[in-house]
């Protein structure tokens, strides 16, 4: 009976260990968290709420797409500067991320009713880029805490300040901490390893029964 129990523990441990290893490798979550906001009517700008760029990882990759004949402007700046520059301009605000890590969704709100100046003429941007039809920018978020008094750092995607903003904006972060691994992977692997050890010890310490021969 003891050897049977030991075999059961050994098999169960191997199953748990293999399942945990798969969840930590082949079936592990993507190494990046990406969320895309698509809007047919984004206003004249798309901006992020303070703190969103610091969601995960050492940097955030930003991209924005519009029509092929549109020049896309993509930038990051201190939140207070962006708020002052936009004034009452109509805009879409990315306030957060919800849903599963496999399919995260952007949480948005809208504000303003007017237009803005041409962002290419402003001098408030910490980093900026332009591109025909699309633009991409990577921002290191490690120093964002130094700008906390100014509300942190936010993104802005626009065209010329009066035409519609890019209809597609994507933010992508390196997955870290709990987001970087399946929550059941480590517990399964550890439990499986412990069961394998117990099962192996049970087999080693339980003597085999031998059939007695009749004289």
Protein backbone atom coordinates (compact mmCIF):
# COMPACT_ATOMS: atom_id res chain seq x y z
CA UNK A 1 0.00 0.00 0.00
CA UNK A 2 2.83 2.39 0.85
CA UNK A 3 4.57 1.71 -2.44
CA UNK A 4 1.31 2.32 -4.29
CA UNK A 5 0.91 5.68 -2.54
CA UNK A 6 4.53 6.55 -3.33
CA UNK A 7 3.98 5.76 -7.02
CA UNK A 8 0.88 7.94 -7.02
CA UNK A 9 2.80 10.85 -5.48
CA UNK A 10 5.59 10.40 -8.01
CA UNK A 11 3.24 10.44 -11.00
CA UNK A 12 1.20 13.36 -9.64
CA UNK A 13 4.39 15.29 -8.97
CA UNK A 14 5.67 14.73 -12.49
CA UNK A 15 2.35 15.92 -13.95
CA UNK A 16 2.36 19.07 -11.79
CA UNK A 17 6.01 19.80 -12.53
CA UNK A 18 5.53 19.43 -16.29
CA UNK A 19 2.38 21.59 -16.21
CA UNK A 20 4.18 24.28 -14.21
CA UNK A 21 7.15 24.22 -16.58
CA UNK A 22 4.85 24.61 -19.59
CA UNK A 23 3.06 27.58 -17.99
CA UNK A 24 6.42 29.23 -17.32
CA UNK A 25 7.81 28.63 -20.82
CA UNK A 26 5.70 27.57 -23.80
CA UNK A 27 2.40 28.82 -22.36
CA UNK A 28 3.86 31.87 -20.59
CA UNK A 29 2.21 35.27 -21.20
CA UNK A 30 3.61 37.56 -23.87
CA UNK A 31 6.76 39.44 -22.89
CA UNK A 32 5.02 42.75 -23.59
CA UNK A 33 1.68 44.26 -22.60
CA UNK A 34 0.18 46.15 -25.52
CA UNK A 35 -3.04 48.11 -25.67
CA UNK A 36 -4.47 49.86 -28.71
CA UNK A 37 -7.11 52.57 -28.78
CA UNK A 38 -9.03 52.88 -32.05
CA UNK A 39 -11.45 55.75 -32.43
CA UNK A 40 -13.27 57.08 -35.50
CA UNK A 41 -13.63 60.47 -33.80
CA UNK A 42 -10.69 61.08 -31.44
CA UNK A 43 -10.85 64.88 -31.52
CA UNK A 44 -7.75 66.87 -32.42
CA UNK A 45 -5.48 65.03 -29.96
CA UNK A 46 -5.08 61.78 -28.06
CA UNK A 47 -3.39 62.09 -24.67
CA UNK A 48 -2.68 59.76 -21.76
CA UNK A 49 -3.56 60.34 -18.14
CA UNK A 50 -0.67 60.91 -15.70
CA UNK A 51 0.88 57.64 -14.53
CA UNK A 52 -0.25 55.49 -17.45
CA UNK A 53 3.14 55.55 -19.19
CA UNK A 54 4.67 54.04 -16.03
CA UNK A 55 2.40 50.99 -16.03
CA UNK A 56 5.21 48.42 -16.35
CA UNK A 57 8.83 48.04 -17.32
CA UNK A 58 11.68 50.49 -17.85
CA UNK A 59 10.17 52.11 -20.95
CA UNK A 60 7.03 52.44 -23.03
CA UNK A 61 6.76 52.13 -26.81
CA UNK A 62 4.29 54.52 -28.39
CA UNK A 63 2.89 54.42 -31.90
CA UNK A 64 0.14 56.29 -33.71
CA UNK A 65 -1.42 55.80 -37.14
CA UNK A 66 -3.60 58.01 -39.30
CA UNK A 67 -4.38 58.30 -43.00
CA UNK A 68 -1.52 57.82 -45.43
CA UNK A 69 -1.66 61.51 -46.42
CA UNK A 70 -1.58 62.76 -42.82
CA UNK A 71 1.58 63.78 -40.98
CA UNK A 72 1.44 62.22 -37.52
CA UNK A 73 2.97 64.02 -34.54
CA UNK A 74 3.81 61.92 -31.47
CA UNK A 75 5.38 63.31 -28.31
CA UNK A 76 5.74 63.09 -24.54
CA UNK A 77 5.73 66.05 -22.18
CA UNK A 78 5.00 67.03 -18.61
CA UNK A 79 1.31 66.70 -17.85
CA UNK A 80 0.95 70.32 -16.74
CA UNK A 81 2.50 71.56 -19.99
CA UNK A 82 0.21 69.39 -22.13
CA UNK A 83 -2.88 70.51 -20.21
CA UNK A 84 -1.93 74.16 -20.66
CA UNK A 85 -1.11 73.69 -24.33
CA UNK A 86 -4.36 71.86 -25.11
CA UNK A 87 -6.58 74.29 -23.18
CA UNK A 88 -10.13 73.43 -24.33
CA UNK A 89 -9.09 71.38 -27.37
CA UNK A 90 -11.29 68.36 -28.08
CA UNK A 91 -9.36 65.24 -27.16
CA UNK A 92 -9.49 61.57 -26.23
CA UNK A 93 -7.85 60.76 -22.90
CA UNK A 94 -6.40 57.29 -22.25
CA UNK A 95 -7.02 56.84 -18.53
CA UNK A 96 -6.10 53.21 -17.91
CA UNK A 97 -6.01 49.58 -19.00
CA UNK A 98 -8.56 46.88 -18.17
CA UNK A 99 -9.28 43.26 -19.06
CA UNK A 100 -7.04 40.20 -19.27
CA UNK A 101 -3.33 40.48 -19.96
CA UNK A 102 -3.84 38.52 -23.19
CA UNK A 103 -6.39 41.05 -24.48
CA UNK A 104 -6.07 44.31 -22.55
CA UNK A 105 -8.38 47.19 -23.43
CA UNK A 106 -7.84 50.91 -23.14
CA UNK A 107 -10.11 52.89 -20.84
CA UNK A 108 -10.86 56.30 -22.32
CA UNK A 109 -12.79 59.48 -21.77
CA UNK A 110 -13.20 62.69 -23.76
CA UNK A 111 -12.74 66.35 -22.95
CA UNK A 112 -12.84 69.75 -24.61
CA UNK A 113 -14.64 71.10 -27.66
CA UNK A 114 -12.15 73.32 -29.49
CA UNK A 115 -8.98 73.04 -31.54
CA UNK A 116 -5.30 73.40 -30.69
CA UNK A 117 -2.25 75.04 -32.19
CA UNK A 118 0.15 73.13 -34.41
CA UNK A 119 2.10 70.89 -31.99
CA UNK A 120 5.19 71.03 -34.19
CA UNK A 121 5.59 74.71 -33.28
CA UNK A 122 5.49 74.15 -29.51
CA UNK A 123 8.60 73.83 -27.35
CA UNK A 124 7.15 71.89 -24.41
CA UNK A 125 7.97 68.38 -25.62
CA UNK A 126 10.51 66.22 -23.82
CA UNK A 127 10.72 64.00 -26.91
CA UNK A 128 8.82 64.07 -30.19
CA UNK A 129 8.75 62.58 -33.66
CA UNK A 130 6.74 62.94 -36.86
CA UNK A 131 5.98 60.57 -39.71
CA UNK A 132 3.86 60.26 -42.80
CA UNK A 133 0.82 58.17 -41.88
CA UNK A 134 2.38 56.85 -38.67
CA UNK A 135 4.98 57.57 -36.03
CA UNK A 136 6.69 55.60 -33.26
CA UNK A 137 8.54 56.68 -30.14
CA UNK A 138 10.15 54.86 -27.20
CA UNK A 139 10.23 56.74 -23.91
CA UNK A 140 12.35 55.61 -20.90
CA UNK A 141 10.12 56.01 -17.86
CA UNK A 142 12.80 55.68 -15.16
CA UNK A 143 13.04 59.46 -14.66
CA UNK A 144 9.30 60.18 -14.72
CA UNK A 145 9.20 60.37 -10.93
CA UNK A 146 11.45 63.44 -11.07
CA UNK A 147 8.61 65.26 -12.85
CA UNK A 148 5.88 64.31 -10.37
CA UNK A 149 5.40 67.94 -9.31
CA UNK A 150 4.37 68.72 -12.89
CA UNK A 151 1.83 65.87 -12.89
CA UNK A 152 4.20 63.29 -14.36
CA UNK A 153 4.72 62.60 -18.05
CA UNK A 154 2.01 61.96 -20.65
CA UNK A 155 1.85 61.22 -24.36
CA UNK A 156 0.25 63.30 -27.05
CA UNK A 157 -0.68 62.13 -30.55
CA UNK A 158 -1.98 64.66 -33.05
CA UNK A 159 -1.66 65.90 -36.61
CA UNK A 160 -1.74 69.68 -37.08
CA UNK A 161 -3.89 70.62 -34.09
CA UNK A 162 -7.02 71.30 -36.13
CA UNK A 163 -7.44 68.12 -38.19
CA UNK A 164 -8.52 64.87 -36.50
CA UNK A 165 -5.88 63.13 -34.40
CA UNK A 166 -4.56 59.68 -35.33
CA UNK A 167 -7.37 57.15 -35.09
CA UNK A 168 -5.12 54.40 -33.72
CA UNK A 169 -2.73 54.80 -30.80
CA UNK A 170 -0.81 51.90 -29.23
CA UNK A 171 1.12 51.73 -25.97
CA UNK A 172 3.39 48.77 -25.22
CA UNK A 173 5.25 47.94 -22.00
CA UNK A 174 7.68 45.20 -20.94
CA UNK A 175 5.78 42.74 -18.75
CA UNK A 176 7.23 42.63 -15.25
CA UNK A 177 6.33 40.97 -11.94
CA UNK A 178 3.06 39.04 -11.90
CA UNK A 179 2.27 40.15 -15.46
CA UNK A 180 5.42 38.43 -16.74
CA UNK A 181 4.43 34.92 -15.69
CA UNK A 182 1.36 32.74 -15.31
CA UNK A 183 0.16 32.91 -11.68
CA UNK A 184 -0.10 29.10 -11.44
CA UNK A 185 3.27 28.31 -13.03
CA UNK A 186 5.55 28.61 -10.00
CA UNK A 187 3.14 26.96 -7.50
CA UNK A 188 2.61 24.00 -9.81
CA UNK A 189 6.33 23.57 -10.45
CA UNK A 190 7.20 23.78 -6.73
CA UNK A 191 4.37 21.46 -5.70
CA UNK A 192 5.30 19.00 -8.42
CA UNK A 193 8.92 18.96 -7.33
CA UNK A 194 7.94 18.33 -3.71
CA UNK A 195 5.62 15.47 -4.67
CA UNK A 196 8.31 13.88 -6.84
CA UNK A 197 10.76 13.97 -3.91
CA UNK A 198 8.19 12.47 -1.53
CA UNK A 199 7.27 9.77 -4.02
CA UNK A 200 10.89 8.87 -4.70
CA UNK A 201 11.68 8.71 -0.97
CA UNK A 202 8.63 6.54 -0.42
CA UNK A 203 9.79 4.05 -3.02
CA UNK A 204 13.32 3.98 -1.64
CA UNK A 205 12.32 3.58 2.00
CA UNK A 206 9.52 1.07 1.53
CA UNK A 207 10.88 -2.48 1.16
CA UNK A 208 9.53 -4.72 -1.56
CA UNK A 209 7.39 -7.62 -0.50
CA UNK A 210 8.60 -10.97 -1.78
CA UNK A 211 6.40 -14.01 -2.15
CA UNK A 212 7.25 -16.91 0.16
CA UNK A 213 7.88 -20.26 -1.43
CA UNK A 214 6.33 -23.32 0.10
CA UNK A 215 8.70 -26.11 1.02
